[in-house]
Amino acid sequence: MPDRARGHADGDPDGYDRLEGVQRSAVRPSPVFFAILALTVVGGLLAAFSNAETTSDPMLVAGVFILVVAGWALSLTLHEFGHAFVAFKGGDHSVAGKGYLNLDVRHYTDPVLSLVLPLILLAIGGIPLPGGAVWINRWALRSRAVSTWVSLAGPLSNLVFGALLTLAVTYIPMPIGLSIGLSYLALLQVFAFVLNILPVPGLDGFGAIEPYLSPQTREFAAKVRPWAPLALFALLFAVPTVSAAFQDLSSFIYEAIGGSRYAAVLGQDTFMFWRH
């Protein structure tokens, strides 16, 4: 930022520190974030202290269900916060005034389209659809590279979250009930990463390459942006070969970062208790 450079050049050694202090203070986790985190922990505790010998144990089912639903809401929050935080660091300070840096999922979502509908589709098909959105002033960003990283920050947060969960399951001794719940939640994070990283207009993968495309291509993408993701989701649910390819790629990445597909399947079976 120009002001940062002038702070040092003009003999103001505290200029950089003051700006950094303002940026750090802009991030204020909300009580809603801590409530979701607490609910995730409650689900994990129920799963941990349940009878994991059968996936129909009510306490296990309740624990895994709460863990996955609350954990998914938590990951949605981190995904959108990732976009906003990189944008803030990259020059768009308007995200702070919009509440995007408060880790409050209500600022990223429409209650029905962003939470209820994706959770229903997750329950039906096991594929987590993108639920949140943050509005970034791309013109305020310092460069095309920054704009690319703003788009990539969300999917990468899912991948990192999924990797951390798999590492926890692999290296931290824990009850089976907790491990299968965390494994399924980790697999969902990889699903979300693969889905969001696709170069489809309206998804983050396209946003990452959009700054480098021609004006004509960007204009065409703007026209198809509202329905292109819907067409992709229809293919995922209606065409078995497309769905299988998506799930195979996601499972490959999940296992590559250390995840257990068997544990994740057990977690999914427990989560979808209505299929028993």
Protein backbone atom coordinates (compact mmCIF):
# COMPACT_ATOMS: atom_id res chain seq x y z
CA MET A 1 0.00 0.00 0.00
CA PRO A 2 1.36 3.46 -0.83
CA ASP A 3 0.64 4.84 2.65
CA ARG A 4 2.65 2.06 4.23
CA ALA A 5 5.67 2.85 2.08
CA ARG A 6 5.43 6.57 2.88
CA GLY A 7 5.29 5.86 6.63
CA HIS A 8 8.83 4.47 6.57
CA ALA A 9 10.17 6.85 3.97
CA ASP A 10 9.02 9.92 5.93
CA GLY A 11 10.69 8.78 9.10
CA ASP A 12 7.54 7.43 10.74
CA PRO A 13 8.65 3.98 11.96
CA ASP A 14 5.36 3.55 13.78
CA GLY A 15 3.23 4.05 10.67
CA TYR A 16 3.46 0.43 9.60
CA ASP A 17 2.74 -0.82 13.12
CA ARG A 18 -0.31 1.43 13.46
CA LEU A 19 -1.74 0.18 10.17
CA GLU A 20 -1.10 -3.41 11.13
CA GLY A 21 -2.80 -2.79 14.46
CA VAL A 22 -5.89 -1.44 12.71
CA GLN A 23 -5.97 -4.50 10.45
CA ARG A 24 -5.68 -6.91 13.35
CA SER A 25 -8.37 -5.14 15.36
CA ALA A 26 -10.75 -5.42 12.40
CA VAL A 27 -10.94 -9.18 12.98
CA ARG A 28 -13.38 -9.67 15.85
CA PRO A 29 -14.87 -13.18 16.11
CA SER A 30 -18.56 -12.92 16.93
CA PRO A 31 -20.48 -14.82 19.63
CA VAL A 32 -22.26 -16.65 16.80
CA PHE A 33 -18.93 -18.13 15.68
CA PHE A 34 -18.13 -19.32 19.18
CA ALA A 35 -21.66 -20.73 19.52
CA ILE A 36 -21.21 -22.79 16.34
CA LEU A 37 -17.79 -23.90 17.56
CA ALA A 38 -19.30 -24.93 20.91
CA LEU A 39 -22.07 -26.86 19.15
CA THR A 40 -19.46 -28.67 17.07
CA VAL A 41 -17.62 -29.63 20.25
CA VAL A 42 -20.87 -30.88 21.80
CA GLY A 43 -21.48 -33.09 18.79
CA GLY A 44 -17.95 -34.42 19.04
CA LEU A 45 -18.36 -35.22 22.73
CA LEU A 46 -21.64 -37.07 22.11
CA ALA A 47 -20.00 -39.10 19.36
CA ALA A 48 -16.95 -39.79 21.52
CA PHE A 49 -18.90 -41.13 24.50
CA SER A 50 -21.43 -43.11 22.48
CA ASN A 51 -21.58 -46.81 21.74
CA ALA A 52 -19.83 -47.04 18.38
CA GLU A 53 -20.36 -50.79 18.00
CA THR A 54 -23.50 -50.03 15.98
CA THR A 55 -24.18 -47.01 13.75
CA SER A 56 -27.80 -47.01 14.96
CA ASP A 57 -26.95 -46.03 18.54
CA PRO A 58 -29.06 -42.88 19.18
CA MET A 59 -26.28 -41.05 21.00
CA LEU A 60 -23.80 -41.82 18.20
CA VAL A 61 -26.26 -40.73 15.52
CA ALA A 62 -27.06 -37.49 17.35
CA GLY A 63 -23.38 -36.78 17.98
CA VAL A 64 -22.24 -37.37 14.41
CA PHE A 65 -25.20 -35.46 12.98
CA ILE A 66 -24.57 -32.41 15.19
CA LEU A 67 -20.82 -32.62 14.61
CA VAL A 68 -21.18 -32.69 10.82
CA VAL A 69 -23.91 -30.03 10.53
CA ALA A 70 -22.26 -27.61 12.97
CA GLY A 71 -18.82 -28.40 11.56
CA TRP A 72 -20.08 -27.67 8.06
CA ALA A 73 -21.48 -24.31 9.21
CA LEU A 74 -18.10 -23.64 10.84
CA SER A 75 -16.24 -24.44 7.62
CA LEU A 76 -18.63 -22.23 5.65
CA THR A 77 -17.77 -19.39 8.00
CA LEU A 78 -14.03 -19.98 7.61
CA HIS A 79 -14.38 -20.26 3.82
CA GLU A 80 -16.04 -16.87 3.46
CA PHE A 81 -13.83 -15.28 6.11
CA GLY A 82 -10.83 -16.46 4.06
CA HIS A 83 -12.10 -14.55 1.01
CA ALA A 84 -12.78 -11.44 3.08
CA PHE A 85 -9.52 -11.46 5.04
CA VAL A 86 -7.33 -11.77 1.93
CA ALA A 87 -9.41 -9.04 0.25
CA PHE A 88 -8.95 -6.79 3.29
CA LYS A 89 -5.20 -7.34 3.26
CA GLY A 90 -5.21 -6.80 -0.50
CA GLY A 91 -6.85 -3.38 -0.43
CA ASP A 92 -10.62 -3.79 -0.07
CA HIS A 93 -11.23 -2.40 3.42
CA SER A 94 -14.98 -2.21 2.79
CA VAL A 95 -15.28 -5.85 3.91
CA ALA A 96 -14.72 -4.73 7.50
CA GLY A 97 -17.73 -2.43 7.42
CA LYS A 98 -19.86 -5.24 5.97
CA GLY A 99 -19.07 -7.44 8.97
CA TYR A 100 -17.23 -10.05 6.93
CA LEU A 101 -14.28 -10.08 9.32
CA ASN A 102 -16.42 -10.94 12.35
CA LEU A 103 -16.72 -14.65 11.53
CA ASP A 104 -20.50 -14.30 11.81
CA VAL A 105 -22.12 -16.73 9.41
CA ARG A 106 -25.20 -14.51 9.20
CA HIS A 107 -23.21 -11.93 7.23
CA TYR A 108 -22.25 -14.49 4.60
CA THR A 109 -25.56 -16.16 4.06
CA ASP A 110 -29.18 -16.07 3.16
CA PRO A 111 -30.89 -18.33 5.72
CA VAL A 112 -32.70 -20.47 3.13
CA LEU A 113 -30.48 -20.41 0.05
CA SER A 114 -27.19 -20.47 1.92
CA LEU A 115 -27.87 -22.79 4.85
CA VAL A 116 -31.14 -24.69 4.65
CA LEU A 117 -30.97 -25.67 0.95
CA PRO A 118 -27.30 -26.78 0.96
CA LEU A 119 -27.88 -28.83 4.12
CA ILE A 120 -30.92 -30.50 2.55
CA LEU A 121 -28.94 -31.34 -0.58
CA LEU A 122 -26.09 -32.55 1.59
CA ALA A 123 -28.50 -34.84 3.39
CA ILE A 124 -30.01 -36.12 0.15
CA GLY A 125 -26.95 -36.56 -2.00
CA GLY A 126 -23.94 -36.26 0.27
CA ILE A 127 -22.49 -33.42 -1.83
CA PRO A 128 -21.90 -30.12 -0.01
CA LEU A 129 -22.94 -27.20 -2.18
CA PRO A 130 -21.41 -23.74 -1.73
CA GLY A 131 -23.65 -21.82 0.61
CA GLY A 132 -22.15 -18.44 1.44
CA ALA A 133 -21.10 -15.36 -0.42
CA VAL A 134 -19.12 -12.21 0.22
CA TRP A 135 -19.21 -9.17 -2.02
CA ILE A 136 -15.68 -8.01 -2.81
CA ASN A 137 -14.81 -4.69 -4.44
CA ARG A 138 -12.37 -6.08 -6.99
CA TRP A 139 -11.46 -2.58 -8.17
CA ALA A 140 -10.00 -1.82 -4.74
CA LEU A 141 -7.60 -4.78 -4.87
CA ARG A 142 -3.99 -3.97 -5.59
CA SER A 143 -3.37 -6.42 -8.43
CA ARG A 144 -4.73 -9.29 -10.48
CA ALA A 145 -2.64 -11.67 -8.38
CA VAL A 146 -4.36 -10.44 -5.22
CA SER A 147 -7.74 -10.96 -6.88
CA THR A 148 -6.74 -14.52 -7.70
CA TRP A 149 -5.71 -15.23 -4.13
CA VAL A 150 -8.96 -13.76 -2.85
CA SER A 151 -10.83 -16.37 -4.90
CA LEU A 152 -8.51 -19.21 -3.91
CA ALA A 153 -8.58 -18.40 -0.19
CA GLY A 154 -12.03 -19.95 0.31
CA PRO A 155 -11.43 -23.36 -1.29
CA LEU A 156 -7.96 -23.57 0.24
CA SER A 157 -9.48 -23.02 3.68
CA ASN A 158 -11.66 -26.09 3.08
CA LEU A 159 -8.64 -28.14 1.99
CA VAL A 160 -6.58 -27.04 5.00
CA PHE A 161 -9.48 -27.70 7.38
CA GLY A 162 -9.96 -31.16 5.88
CA ALA A 163 -6.25 -31.91 6.12
CA LEU A 164 -6.14 -30.84 9.77
CA LEU A 165 -9.10 -33.09 10.57
CA THR A 166 -7.48 -36.09 8.87
CA LEU A 167 -4.22 -35.44 10.72
CA ALA A 168 -6.12 -35.31 14.00
CA VAL A 169 -7.88 -38.61 13.27
CA THR A 170 -4.62 -40.24 12.17
CA TYR A 171 -2.31 -39.14 14.96
CA ILE A 172 -4.53 -38.39 17.97
CA PRO A 173 -5.99 -41.43 19.75
CA MET A 174 -9.76 -40.99 19.91
CA PRO A 175 -12.95 -43.06 20.24
CA ILE A 176 -14.29 -44.62 17.05
CA GLY A 177 -17.48 -42.56 17.11
CA LEU A 178 -15.54 -39.32 17.05
CA SER A 179 -13.10 -40.54 14.42
CA ILE A 180 -15.81 -41.52 11.92
CA GLY A 181 -17.63 -38.23 12.43
CA LEU A 182 -14.46 -36.20 11.88
CA SER A 183 -13.50 -38.38 8.92
CA TYR A 184 -16.79 -37.71 7.16
CA LEU A 185 -16.55 -34.00 7.93
CA ALA A 186 -13.02 -34.01 6.49
CA LEU A 187 -14.21 -35.74 3.32
CA LEU A 188 -16.91 -33.09 2.93
CA GLN A 189 -14.21 -30.42 3.11
CA VAL A 190 -12.38 -32.05 0.23
CA PHE A 191 -15.66 -32.30 -1.69
CA ALA A 192 -16.16 -28.57 -1.14
CA PHE A 193 -12.60 -27.82 -2.27
CA VAL A 194 -12.94 -29.81 -5.51
CA LEU A 195 -16.36 -28.34 -6.28
CA ASN A 196 -15.36 -24.73 -5.61
CA ILE A 197 -12.07 -24.97 -7.49
CA LEU A 198 -13.75 -25.93 -10.78
CA PRO A 199 -13.32 -23.19 -13.44
CA VAL A 200 -17.07 -22.64 -13.78
CA PRO A 201 -18.44 -19.07 -13.81
CA GLY A 202 -19.89 -18.32 -10.41
CA LEU A 203 -17.44 -20.60 -8.58
CA ASP A 204 -14.12 -19.67 -7.00
CA GLY A 205 -12.05 -21.59 -9.54
CA PHE A 206 -13.27 -19.33 -12.30
CA GLY A 207 -12.79 -16.27 -10.11
CA ALA A 208 -9.11 -17.22 -9.77
CA ILE A 209 -8.49 -17.12 -13.54
CA GLU A 210 -10.98 -14.40 -14.45
CA PRO A 211 -8.56 -11.45 -14.00
CA TYR A 212 -6.37 -12.88 -16.78
CA LEU A 213 -9.14 -13.49 -19.31
CA SER A 214 -10.07 -11.25 -22.21
CA PRO A 215 -12.85 -8.67 -21.76
CA GLN A 216 -15.05 -10.64 -24.16
CA THR A 217 -14.64 -13.83 -22.15
CA ARG A 218 -15.38 -12.04 -18.89
CA GLU A 219 -18.48 -10.46 -20.44
CA PHE A 220 -19.75 -13.86 -21.57
CA ALA A 221 -19.00 -15.34 -18.14
CA ALA A 222 -21.01 -12.57 -16.47
CA LYS A 223 -24.02 -13.53 -18.58
CA VAL A 224 -23.87 -17.25 -17.70
CA ARG A 225 -22.76 -16.77 -14.09
CA PRO A 226 -26.28 -16.97 -12.56
CA TRP A 227 -27.11 -20.37 -14.04
CA ALA A 228 -23.75 -22.05 -14.75
CA PRO A 229 -23.37 -23.42 -11.17
CA LEU A 230 -26.97 -24.65 -11.27
CA ALA A 231 -26.23 -26.54 -14.48
CA LEU A 232 -23.18 -28.11 -12.82
CA PHE A 233 -25.18 -29.14 -9.75
CA ALA A 234 -27.87 -30.65 -12.00
CA LEU A 235 -25.19 -32.73 -13.73
CA LEU A 236 -23.81 -33.89 -10.40
CA PHE A 237 -27.21 -35.08 -9.22
CA ALA A 238 -28.69 -36.31 -12.50
CA VAL A 239 -25.76 -37.87 -14.36
CA PRO A 240 -24.20 -40.81 -12.48
CA THR A 241 -20.93 -40.74 -14.44
CA VAL A 242 -20.35 -37.06 -13.61
CA SER A 243 -21.19 -37.64 -9.95
CA ALA A 244 -18.92 -40.71 -9.83
CA ALA A 245 -16.02 -38.81 -11.40
CA PHE A 246 -16.43 -35.97 -8.91
CA GLN A 247 -16.59 -38.30 -5.93
CA ASP A 248 -13.66 -40.41 -7.18
CA LEU A 249 -11.45 -37.33 -7.56
CA SER A 250 -12.48 -36.04 -4.14
CA SER A 251 -11.85 -39.43 -2.53
CA PHE A 252 -8.43 -39.63 -4.22
CA ILE A 253 -7.40 -36.25 -2.76
CA TYR A 254 -8.90 -37.17 0.61
CA GLU A 255 -6.87 -40.38 0.79
CA ALA A 256 -3.77 -38.58 -0.50
CA ILE A 257 -3.85 -36.26 2.53
CA GLY A 258 -4.17 -39.24 4.86
CA GLY A 259 -7.92 -39.74 5.16
CA SER A 260 -9.54 -43.13 5.69
CA ARG A 261 -12.28 -43.72 3.16
CA TYR A 262 -13.67 -46.57 5.25
CA ALA A 263 -14.01 -44.32 8.31
CA ALA A 264 -15.61 -41.59 6.22
CA VAL A 265 -18.15 -44.04 4.78
CA LEU A 266 -19.05 -45.17 8.30
CA GLY A 267 -19.45 -41.53 9.28
CA GLN A 268 -21.67 -40.85 6.28
CA ASP A 269 -23.79 -43.92 7.04
CA THR A 270 -24.22 -42.74 10.63
CA PHE A 271 -25.00 -39.18 9.56
CA MET A 272 -27.67 -40.32 7.09
CA PHE A 273 -29.55 -42.32 9.73
CA TRP A 274 -32.83 -42.05 7.79
CA ARG A 275 -31.45 -44.40 5.13
CA HIS A 276 -31.14 -47.30 7.55
